[in-house]
């Protein structure tokens, strides 16, 4: 069941910034949008992977495994988005 502000019977009008579902949302540090629990995990994982890819690149280390993991995450998010018909998860993760 959807719920609005505490003590209110009105449904929340906020939507997940990635999938568009109306449900309880959370914020991530350094991000302006709000996300449902599932999408927030994907966005946080992509942020961490991007940071690790940048650090490995600067240190001259191999990034192939990290890049493959990032691509797999992005591909999985695209499938989820196409099933729900909402949002653009890849845009939110960049």
PDB file of N, CA and C in Angstrom:
ATOM      1  N   UNK A   1       0.837  -1.178   0.000  1.00  0.00           N
ATOM      2  CA  UNK A   1       0.000   0.000   0.000  1.00  0.00           C
ATOM      3  C   UNK A   1       0.880   1.238   0.000  1.00  0.00           C
ATOM      4  N   UNK A   2       0.527   2.201  -0.809  1.00  0.00           N
ATOM      5  CA  UNK A   2       1.258   3.461  -0.871  1.00  0.00           C
ATOM      6  C   UNK A   2       0.782   4.377   0.238  1.00  0.00           C
ATOM      7  N   UNK A   3       1.702   5.155   0.763  1.00  0.00           N
ATOM      8  CA  UNK A   3       1.296   6.122   1.778  1.00  0.00           C
ATOM      9  C   UNK A   3       2.027   7.417   1.555  1.00  0.00           C
ATOM     10  N   UNK A   4       1.376   8.506   1.924  1.00  0.00           N
ATOM     11  CA  UNK A   4       1.965   9.824   1.765  1.00  0.00           C
ATOM     12  C   UNK A   4       2.702  10.224   3.019  1.00  0.00           C
ATOM     13  N   UNK A   5       2.769  11.522   3.275  1.00  0.00           N
ATOM     14  CA  UNK A   5       3.451  12.017   4.458  1.00  0.00           C
ATOM     15  C   UNK A   5       2.889  11.386   5.717  1.00  0.00           C
ATOM     16  N   UNK A   6       3.726  11.265   6.728  1.00  0.00           N
ATOM     17  CA  UNK A   6       3.322  10.633   7.973  1.00  0.00           C
ATOM     18  C   UNK A   6       2.020  11.236   8.483  1.00  0.00           C
ATOM     19  N   UNK A   7       1.085  10.374   8.860  1.00  0.00           N
ATOM     20  CA  UNK A   7      -0.191  10.814   9.375  1.00  0.00           C
ATOM     21  C   UNK A   7      -1.205  11.147   8.309  1.00  0.00           C
ATOM     22  N   UNK A   8      -0.857  10.922   7.065  1.00  0.00           N
ATOM     23  CA  UNK A   8      -1.758  11.270   5.964  1.00  0.00           C
ATOM     24  C   UNK A   8      -2.239   9.994   5.294  1.00  0.00           C
ATOM     25  N   UNK A   9      -3.430  10.031   4.781  1.00  0.00           N
ATOM     26  CA  UNK A   9      -3.978   8.894   4.054  1.00  0.00           C
ATOM     27  C   UNK A   9      -3.751   9.036   2.555  1.00  0.00           C
ATOM     28  N   UNK A  10      -3.208  10.182   2.134  1.00  0.00           N
ATOM     29  CA  UNK A  10      -3.002  10.433   0.718  1.00  0.00           C
ATOM     30  C   UNK A  10      -1.784   9.679   0.207  1.00  0.00           C
ATOM     31  N   UNK A  11      -1.868   9.113  -0.987  1.00  0.00           N
ATOM     32  CA  UNK A  11      -0.709   8.434  -1.557  1.00  0.00           C
ATOM     33  C   UNK A  11       0.399   9.422  -1.901  1.00  0.00           C
ATOM     34  N   UNK A  12       1.628   8.950  -1.846  1.00  0.00           N
ATOM     35  CA  UNK A  12       2.775   9.775  -2.202  1.00  0.00           C
ATOM     36  C   UNK A  12       2.731  10.077  -3.695  1.00  0.00           C
ATOM     37  N   UNK A  13       3.040  11.306  -4.059  1.00  0.00           N
ATOM     38  CA  UNK A  13       3.041  11.670  -5.473  1.00  0.00           C
ATOM     39  C   UNK A  13       4.430  11.539  -6.077  1.00  0.00           C
ATOM     40  N   UNK A  14       5.420  11.216  -5.258  1.00  0.00           N
ATOM     41  CA  UNK A  14       6.783  11.104  -5.764  1.00  0.00           C
ATOM     42  C   UNK A  14       6.986   9.767  -6.464  1.00  0.00           C
ATOM     43  N   UNK A  15       7.775   9.817  -7.514  1.00  0.00           N
ATOM     44  CA  UNK A  15       8.100   8.628  -8.275  1.00  0.00           C
ATOM     45  C   UNK A  15       9.597   8.380  -8.206  1.00  0.00           C
ATOM     46  N   UNK A  16       9.984   7.129  -8.329  1.00  0.00           N
ATOM     47  CA  UNK A  16      11.395   6.765  -8.410  1.00  0.00           C
ATOM     48  C   UNK A  16      11.986   7.453  -9.635  1.00  0.00           C
ATOM     49  N   UNK A  17      13.160   8.059  -9.476  1.00  0.00           N
ATOM     50  CA  UNK A  17      13.819   8.765 -10.558  1.00  0.00           C
ATOM     51  C   UNK A  17      14.338   7.859 -11.658  1.00  0.00           C
ATOM     52  N   UNK A  18      14.276   6.545 -11.441  1.00  0.00           N
ATOM     53  CA  UNK A  18      14.771   5.606 -12.437  1.00  0.00           C
ATOM     54  C   UNK A  18      13.630   4.833 -13.082  1.00  0.00           C
ATOM     55  N   UNK A  19      12.834   4.141 -12.279  1.00  0.00           N
ATOM     56  CA  UNK A  19      11.801   3.259 -12.838  1.00  0.00           C
ATOM     57  C   UNK A  19      10.417   3.888 -12.865  1.00  0.00           C
ATOM     58  N   UNK A  20      10.222   4.977 -12.126  1.00  0.00           N
ATOM     59  CA  UNK A  20       8.945   5.667 -12.140  1.00  0.00           C
ATOM     60  C   UNK A  20       7.884   5.113 -11.217  1.00  0.00           C
ATOM     61  N   UNK A  21       8.226   4.052 -10.490  1.00  0.00           N
ATOM     62  CA  UNK A  21       7.237   3.480  -9.571  1.00  0.00           C
ATOM     63  C   UNK A  21       6.974   4.427  -8.413  1.00  0.00           C
ATOM     64  N   UNK A  22       5.748   4.393  -7.931  1.00  0.00           N
ATOM     65  CA  UNK A  22       5.358   5.202  -6.767  1.00  0.00           C
ATOM     66  C   UNK A  22       5.434   4.302  -5.544  1.00  0.00           C
ATOM     67  N   UNK A  23       6.429   4.533  -4.727  1.00  0.00           N
ATOM     68  CA  UNK A  23       6.623   3.758  -3.510  1.00  0.00           C
ATOM     69  C   UNK A  23       7.540   4.532  -2.577  1.00  0.00           C
ATOM     70  N   UNK A  24       7.889   3.941  -1.466  1.00  0.00           N
ATOM     71  CA  UNK A  24       8.797   4.618  -0.544  1.00  0.00           C
ATOM     72  C   UNK A  24      10.138   4.847  -1.243  1.00  0.00           C
ATOM     73  N   UNK A  25      10.620   6.083  -1.172  1.00  0.00           N
ATOM     74  CA  UNK A  25      11.844   6.460  -1.872  1.00  0.00           C
ATOM     75  C   UNK A  25      12.937   6.831  -0.887  1.00  0.00           C
ATOM     76  N   UNK A  26      14.176   6.724  -1.339  1.00  0.00           N
ATOM     77  CA  UNK A  26      15.303   7.141  -0.520  1.00  0.00           C
ATOM     78  C   UNK A  26      16.245   7.988  -1.370  1.00  0.00           C
ATOM     79  N   UNK A  27      17.099   8.738  -0.700  1.00  0.00           N
ATOM     80  CA  UNK A  27      18.077   9.587  -1.377  1.00  0.00           C
ATOM     81  C   UNK A  27      19.460   8.971  -1.232  1.00  0.00           C
ATOM     82  N   UNK A  28      20.324   9.258  -2.188  1.00  0.00           N
ATOM     83  CA  UNK A  28      21.714   8.816  -2.132  1.00  0.00           C
ATOM     84  C   UNK A  28      22.617  10.034  -2.011  1.00  0.00           C
ATOM     85  N   UNK A  29      23.672   9.931  -1.222  1.00  0.00           N
ATOM     86  CA  UNK A  29      24.603  11.066  -1.095  1.00  0.00           C
ATOM     87  C   UNK A  29      25.166  11.454  -2.464  1.00  0.00           C
ATOM     88  N   UNK A  30      25.181  12.739  -2.725  1.00  0.00           N
ATOM     89  CA  UNK A  30      25.747  13.232  -3.973  1.00  0.00           C
ATOM     90  C   UNK A  30      24.820  13.124  -5.170  1.00  0.00           C
ATOM     91  N   UNK A  31      23.598  12.678  -4.959  1.00  0.00           N
ATOM     92  CA  UNK A  31      22.623  12.554  -6.048  1.00  0.00           C
ATOM     93  C   UNK A  31      21.415  13.404  -5.717  1.00  0.00           C
ATOM     94  N   UNK A  32      20.819  14.027  -6.731  1.00  0.00           N
ATOM     95  CA  UNK A  32      19.682  14.901  -6.479  1.00  0.00           C
ATOM     96  C   UNK A  32      18.354  14.158  -6.524  1.00  0.00           C
ATOM     97  N   UNK A  33      18.302  13.000  -7.171  1.00  0.00           N
ATOM     98  CA  UNK A  33      17.053  12.270  -7.307  1.00  0.00           C
ATOM     99  C   UNK A  33      16.734  11.399  -6.108  1.00  0.00           C
ATOM    100  N   UNK A  34      15.536  10.864  -6.127  1.00  0.00           N
ATOM    101  CA  UNK A  34      15.106   9.899  -5.122  1.00  0.00           C
ATOM    102  C   UNK A  34      14.786   8.599  -5.843  1.00  0.00           C
ATOM    103  N   UNK A  35      15.090   7.486  -5.170  1.00  0.00           N
ATOM    104  CA  UNK A  35      14.988   6.183  -5.803  1.00  0.00           C
ATOM    105  C   UNK A  35      14.288   5.183  -4.898  1.00  0.00           C
ATOM    106  N   UNK A  36      13.602   4.190  -5.531  1.00  0.00           N
ATOM    107  CA  UNK A  36      13.047   3.087  -4.760  1.00  0.00           C
ATOM    108  C   UNK A  36      14.221   2.240  -4.278  1.00  0.00           C
ATOM    109  N   UNK A  37      13.963   1.323  -3.382  1.00  0.00           N
ATOM    110  CA  UNK A  37      15.036   0.529  -2.787  1.00  0.00           C
ATOM    111  C   UNK A  37      15.834  -0.235  -3.836  1.00  0.00           C
ATOM    112  N   UNK A  38      15.148  -0.884  -4.770  1.00  0.00           N
ATOM    113  CA  UNK A  38      15.828  -1.667  -5.795  1.00  0.00           C
ATOM    114  C   UNK A  38      16.730  -0.795  -6.673  1.00  0.00           C
ATOM    115  N   UNK A  39      16.190   0.307  -7.138  1.00  0.00           N
ATOM    116  CA  UNK A  39      16.960   1.184  -8.021  1.00  0.00           C
ATOM    117  C   UNK A  39      18.096   1.879  -7.271  1.00  0.00           C
ATOM    118  N   UNK A  40      17.879   2.218  -6.004  1.00  0.00           N
ATOM    119  CA  UNK A  40      18.940   2.885  -5.249  1.00  0.00           C
ATOM    120  C   UNK A  40      20.147   1.966  -5.108  1.00  0.00           C
ATOM    121  N   UNK A  41      19.914   0.667  -4.969  1.00  0.00           N
ATOM    122  CA  UNK A  41      21.027  -0.283  -4.887  1.00  0.00           C
ATOM    123  C   UNK A  41      21.797  -0.316  -6.205  1.00  0.00           C
ATOM    124  N   UNK A  42      21.072  -0.314  -7.322  1.00  0.00           N
ATOM    125  CA  UNK A  42      21.728  -0.325  -8.634  1.00  0.00           C
ATOM    126  C   UNK A  42      22.514   0.961  -8.874  1.00  0.00           C
ATOM    127  N   UNK A  43      21.931   2.094  -8.519  1.00  0.00           N
ATOM    128  CA  UNK A  43      22.604   3.381  -8.710  1.00  0.00           C
ATOM    129  C   UNK A  43      23.849   3.455  -7.833  1.00  0.00           C
ATOM    130  N   UNK A  44      23.742   3.035  -6.573  1.00  0.00           N
ATOM    131  CA  UNK A  44      24.895   3.059  -5.665  1.00  0.00           C
ATOM    132  C   UNK A  44      26.001   2.134  -6.169  1.00  0.00           C
ATOM    133  N   UNK A  45      25.639   0.965  -6.660  1.00  0.00           N
ATOM    134  CA  UNK A  45      26.630   0.026  -7.194  1.00  0.00           C
ATOM    135  C   UNK A  45      27.325   0.614  -8.407  1.00  0.00           C
ATOM    136  N   UNK A  46      26.567   1.254  -9.285  1.00  0.00           N
ATOM    137  CA  UNK A  46      27.184   1.843 -10.475  1.00  0.00           C
ATOM    138  C   UNK A  46      28.126   2.988 -10.098  1.00  0.00           C
ATOM    139  N   UNK A  47      27.745   3.772  -9.080  1.00  0.00           N
ATOM    140  CA  UNK A  47      28.619   4.864  -8.627  1.00  0.00           C
ATOM    141  C   UNK A  47      29.938   4.300  -8.100  1.00  0.00           C
ATOM    142  N   UNK A  48      29.859   3.232  -7.317  1.00  0.00           N
ATOM    143  CA  UNK A  48      31.062   2.610  -6.768  1.00  0.00           C
ATOM    144  C   UNK A  48      31.924   2.015  -7.879  1.00  0.00           C
ATOM    145  N   UNK A  49      31.303   1.342  -8.834  1.00  0.00           N
ATOM    146  CA  UNK A  49      32.068   0.773  -9.942  1.00  0.00           C
ATOM    147  C   UNK A  49      32.770   1.856 -10.752  1.00  0.00           C
ATOM    148  N   UNK A  50      32.086   2.958 -11.021  1.00  0.00           N
ATOM    149  CA  UNK A  50      32.720   4.054 -11.762  1.00  0.00           C
ATOM    150  C   UNK A  50      33.928   4.604 -11.015  1.00  0.00           C
ATOM    151  N   UNK A  51      33.795   4.735  -9.704  1.00  0.00           N
ATOM    152  CA  UNK A  51      34.913   5.231  -8.888  1.00  0.00           C
ATOM    153  C   UNK A  51      36.091   4.256  -8.952  1.00  0.00           C
ATOM    154  N   UNK A  52      35.798   2.966  -8.838  1.00  0.00           N
ATOM    155  CA  UNK A  52      36.851   1.949  -8.886  1.00  0.00           C
ATOM    156  C   UNK A  52      37.508   1.879 -10.267  1.00  0.00           C
ATOM    157  N   UNK A  53      36.729   2.024 -11.325  1.00  0.00           N
ATOM    158  CA  UNK A  53      37.280   2.024 -12.692  1.00  0.00           C
ATOM    159  C   UNK A  53      38.213   3.219 -12.867  1.00  0.00           C
ATOM    160  N   UNK A  54      37.799   4.388 -12.407  1.00  0.00           N
ATOM    161  CA  UNK A  54      38.647   5.586 -12.500  1.00  0.00           C
ATOM    162  C   UNK A  54      39.944   5.407 -11.713  1.00  0.00           C
ATOM    163  N   UNK A  55      39.836   4.880 -10.494  1.00  0.00           N
ATOM    164  CA  UNK A  55      41.030   4.682  -9.655  1.00  0.00           C
ATOM    165  C   UNK A  55      41.988   3.678 -10.287  1.00  0.00           C
ATOM    166  N   UNK A  56      41.447   2.587 -10.827  1.00  0.00           N
ATOM    167  CA  UNK A  56      42.293   1.575 -11.474  1.00  0.00           C
ATOM    168  C   UNK A  56      42.963   2.149 -12.713  1.00  0.00           C
ATOM    169  N   UNK A  57      42.236   2.949 -13.474  1.00  0.00           N
ATOM    170  CA  UNK A  57      42.801   3.564 -14.677  1.00  0.00           C
ATOM    171  C   UNK A  57      43.956   4.488 -14.312  1.00  0.00           C
ATOM    172  N   UNK A  58      43.743   5.328 -13.304  1.00  0.00           N
ATOM    173  CA  UNK A  58      44.795   6.254 -12.872  1.00  0.00           C
ATOM    174  C   UNK A  58      46.021   5.526 -12.330  1.00  0.00           C
ATOM    175  N   UNK A  59      45.804   4.369 -11.711  1.00  0.00           N
ATOM    176  CA  UNK A  59      46.909   3.595 -11.138  1.00  0.00           C
ATOM    177  C   UNK A  59      47.549   2.676 -12.171  1.00  0.00           C
ATOM    178  N   UNK A  60      47.011   2.643 -13.381  1.00  0.00           N
ATOM    179  CA  UNK A  60      47.574   1.798 -14.427  1.00  0.00           C
ATOM    180  C   UNK A  60      47.224   0.327 -14.262  1.00  0.00           C
ATOM    181  N   UNK A  61      46.174   0.038 -13.497  1.00  0.00           N
ATOM    182  CA  UNK A  61      45.748  -1.346 -13.294  1.00  0.00           C
ATOM    183  C   UNK A  61      44.711  -1.735 -14.338  1.00  0.00           C
ATOM    184  N   UNK A  62      44.536  -3.028 -14.477  1.00  0.00           N
ATOM    185  CA  UNK A  62      43.554  -3.585 -15.414  1.00  0.00           C
ATOM    186  C   UNK A  62      42.135  -3.231 -14.970  1.00  0.00           C
ATOM    187  N   UNK A  63      41.316  -2.817 -15.917  1.00  0.00           N
ATOM    188  CA  UNK A  63      39.933  -2.436 -15.594  1.00  0.00           C
ATOM    189  C   UNK A  63      38.901  -3.332 -16.278  1.00  0.00           C
ATOM    190  N   UNK A  64      39.357  -4.296 -17.054  1.00  0.00           N
ATOM    191  CA  UNK A  64      38.449  -5.107 -17.853  1.00  0.00           C
ATOM    192  C   UNK A  64      37.337  -5.760 -17.019  1.00  0.00           C
ATOM    193  N   UNK A  65      37.673  -6.330 -15.888  1.00  0.00           N
ATOM    194  CA  UNK A  65      36.678  -6.988 -15.038  1.00  0.00           C
ATOM    195  C   UNK A  65      35.658  -6.012 -14.488  1.00  0.00           C
ATOM    196  N   UNK A  66      36.125  -4.835 -14.057  1.00  0.00           N
ATOM    197  CA  UNK A  66      35.220  -3.816 -13.524  1.00  0.00           C
ATOM    198  C   UNK A  66      34.300  -3.268 -14.615  1.00  0.00           C
ATOM    199  N   UNK A  67      34.867  -3.049 -15.797  1.00  0.00           N
ATOM    200  CA  UNK A  67      34.070  -2.544 -16.919  1.00  0.00           C
ATOM    201  C   UNK A  67      33.018  -3.578 -17.315  1.00  0.00           C
ATOM    202  N   UNK A  68      33.396  -4.849 -17.309  1.00  0.00           N
ATOM    203  CA  UNK A  68      32.441  -5.912 -17.642  1.00  0.00           C
ATOM    204  C   UNK A  68      31.310  -5.962 -16.611  1.00  0.00           C
ATOM    205  N   UNK A  69      31.649  -5.800 -15.343  1.00  0.00           N
ATOM    206  CA  UNK A  69      30.630  -5.803 -14.295  1.00  0.00           C
ATOM    207  C   UNK A  69      29.688  -4.602 -14.452  1.00  0.00           C
ATOM    208  N   UNK A  70      30.254  -3.432 -14.778  1.00  0.00           N
ATOM    209  CA  UNK A  70      29.439  -2.241 -14.999  1.00  0.00           C
ATOM    210  C   UNK A  70      28.494  -2.455 -16.187  1.00  0.00           C
ATOM    211  N   UNK A  71      29.016  -3.037 -17.259  1.00  0.00           N
ATOM    212  CA  UNK A  71      28.189  -3.298 -18.449  1.00  0.00           C
ATOM    213  C   UNK A  71      27.073  -4.289 -18.123  1.00  0.00           C
ATOM    214  N   UNK A  72      27.388  -5.307 -17.334  1.00  0.00           N
ATOM    215  CA  UNK A  72      26.378  -6.293 -16.947  1.00  0.00           C
ATOM    216  C   UNK A  72      25.278  -5.637 -16.107  1.00  0.00           C
ATOM    217  N   UNK A  73      25.676  -4.784 -15.178  1.00  0.00           N
ATOM    218  CA  UNK A  73      24.704  -4.068 -14.349  1.00  0.00           C
ATOM    219  C   UNK A  73      23.820  -3.180 -15.228  1.00  0.00           C
ATOM    220  N   UNK A  74      24.423  -2.451 -16.151  1.00  0.00           N
ATOM    221  CA  UNK A  74      23.660  -1.572 -17.047  1.00  0.00           C
ATOM    222  C   UNK A  74      22.708  -2.372 -17.925  1.00  0.00           C
ATOM    223  N   UNK A  75      23.163  -3.516 -18.407  1.00  0.00           N
ATOM    224  CA  UNK A  75      22.326  -4.364 -19.259  1.00  0.00           C
ATOM    225  C   UNK A  75      21.139  -4.899 -18.457  1.00  0.00           C
ATOM    226  N   UNK A  76      21.385  -5.332 -17.236  1.00  0.00           N
ATOM    227  CA  UNK A  76      20.307  -5.829 -16.385  1.00  0.00           C
ATOM    228  C   UNK A  76      19.297  -4.744 -16.084  1.00  0.00           C
ATOM    229  N   UNK A  77      19.777  -3.533 -15.881  1.00  0.00           N
ATOM    230  CA  UNK A  77      18.873  -2.412 -15.611  1.00  0.00           C
ATOM    231  C   UNK A  77      18.036  -2.085 -16.833  1.00  0.00           C
ATOM    232  N   UNK A  78      18.613  -2.223 -18.014  1.00  0.00           N
ATOM    233  CA  UNK A  78      17.861  -1.965 -19.243  1.00  0.00           C
ATOM    234  C   UNK A  78      16.731  -2.967 -19.386  1.00  0.00           C
ATOM    235  N   UNK A  79      17.000  -4.230 -19.046  1.00  0.00           N
ATOM    236  CA  UNK A  79      15.953  -5.254 -19.108  1.00  0.00           C
ATOM    237  C   UNK A  79      14.837  -4.924 -18.133  1.00  0.00           C
ATOM    238  N   UNK A  80      15.202  -4.541 -16.901  1.00  0.00           N
ATOM    239  CA  UNK A  80      14.201  -4.192 -15.894  1.00  0.00           C
ATOM    240  C   UNK A  80      13.364  -3.018 -16.363  1.00  0.00           C
ATOM    241  N   UNK A  81      14.003  -2.014 -16.934  1.00  0.00           N
ATOM    242  CA  UNK A  81      13.308  -0.816 -17.401  1.00  0.00           C
ATOM    243  C   UNK A  81      12.339  -1.168 -18.515  1.00  0.00           C
ATOM    244  N   UNK A  82      12.762  -2.025 -19.434  1.00  0.00           N
ATOM    245  CA  UNK A  82      11.885  -2.372 -20.552  1.00  0.00           C
ATOM    246  C   UNK A  82      10.692  -3.193 -20.072  1.00  0.00           C
ATOM    247  N   UNK A  83      10.862  -3.994 -19.029  1.00  0.00           N
ATOM    248  CA  UNK A  83       9.743  -4.757 -18.478  1.00  0.00           C
ATOM    249  C   UNK A  83       8.728  -3.843 -17.815  1.00  0.00           C
ATOM    250  N   UNK A  84       9.222  -2.833 -17.090  1.00  0.00           N
ATOM    251  CA  UNK A  84       8.303  -1.943 -16.380  1.00  0.00           C
ATOM    252  C   UNK A  84       7.755  -0.858 -17.294  1.00  0.00           C
ATOM    253  N   UNK A  85       8.479  -0.577 -18.388  1.00  0.00           N
ATOM    254  CA  UNK A  85       8.040   0.455 -19.313  1.00  0.00           C
ATOM    255  C   UNK A  85       8.248   1.857 -18.781  1.00  0.00           C
ATOM    256  N   UNK A  86       9.061   2.023 -17.753  1.00  0.00           N
ATOM    257  CA  UNK A  86       9.262   3.330 -17.125  1.00  0.00           C
ATOM    258  C   UNK A  86      10.734   3.663 -17.005  1.00  0.00           C
ATOM    259  N   UNK A  87      11.015   4.962 -16.959  1.00  0.00           N
ATOM    260  CA  UNK A  87      12.332   5.465 -16.586  1.00  0.00           C
ATOM    261  C   UNK A  87      13.452   5.122 -17.537  1.00  0.00           C
ATOM    262  N   UNK A  88      14.634   5.605 -17.203  1.00  0.00           N
ATOM    263  CA  UNK A  88      15.850   5.312 -17.938  1.00  0.00           C
ATOM    264  C   UNK A  88      16.944   5.111 -16.919  1.00  0.00           C
ATOM    265  N   UNK A  89      17.122   3.886 -16.478  1.00  0.00           N
ATOM    266  CA  UNK A  89      18.056   3.577 -15.401  1.00  0.00           C
ATOM    267  C   UNK A  89      19.500   3.898 -15.783  1.00  0.00           C
ATOM    268  N   UNK A  90      19.852   3.681 -17.040  1.00  0.00           N
ATOM    269  CA  UNK A  90      21.242   3.957 -17.421  1.00  0.00           C
ATOM    270  C   UNK A  90      21.548   5.431 -17.269  1.00  0.00           C
ATOM    271  N   UNK A  91      20.608   6.297 -17.613  1.00  0.00           N
ATOM    272  CA  UNK A  91      20.828   7.733 -17.463  1.00  0.00           C
ATOM    273  C   UNK A  91      21.029   8.057 -15.992  1.00  0.00           C
ATOM    274  N   UNK A  92      20.255   7.487 -15.116  1.00  0.00           N
ATOM    275  CA  UNK A  92      20.342   7.778 -13.688  1.00  0.00           C
ATOM    276  C   UNK A  92      21.643   7.270 -13.093  1.00  0.00           C
ATOM    277  N   UNK A  93      22.209   6.212 -13.674  1.00  0.00           N
ATOM    278  CA  UNK A  93      23.422   5.642 -13.112  1.00  0.00           C
ATOM    279  C   UNK A  93      24.670   6.378 -13.565  1.00  0.00           C
ATOM    280  N   UNK A  94      24.598   7.199 -14.581  1.00  0.00           N
ATOM    281  CA  UNK A  94      25.776   7.920 -15.076  1.00  0.00           C
ATOM    282  C   UNK A  94      25.961   9.237 -14.384  1.00  0.00           C
TER     283      UNK A  94
END
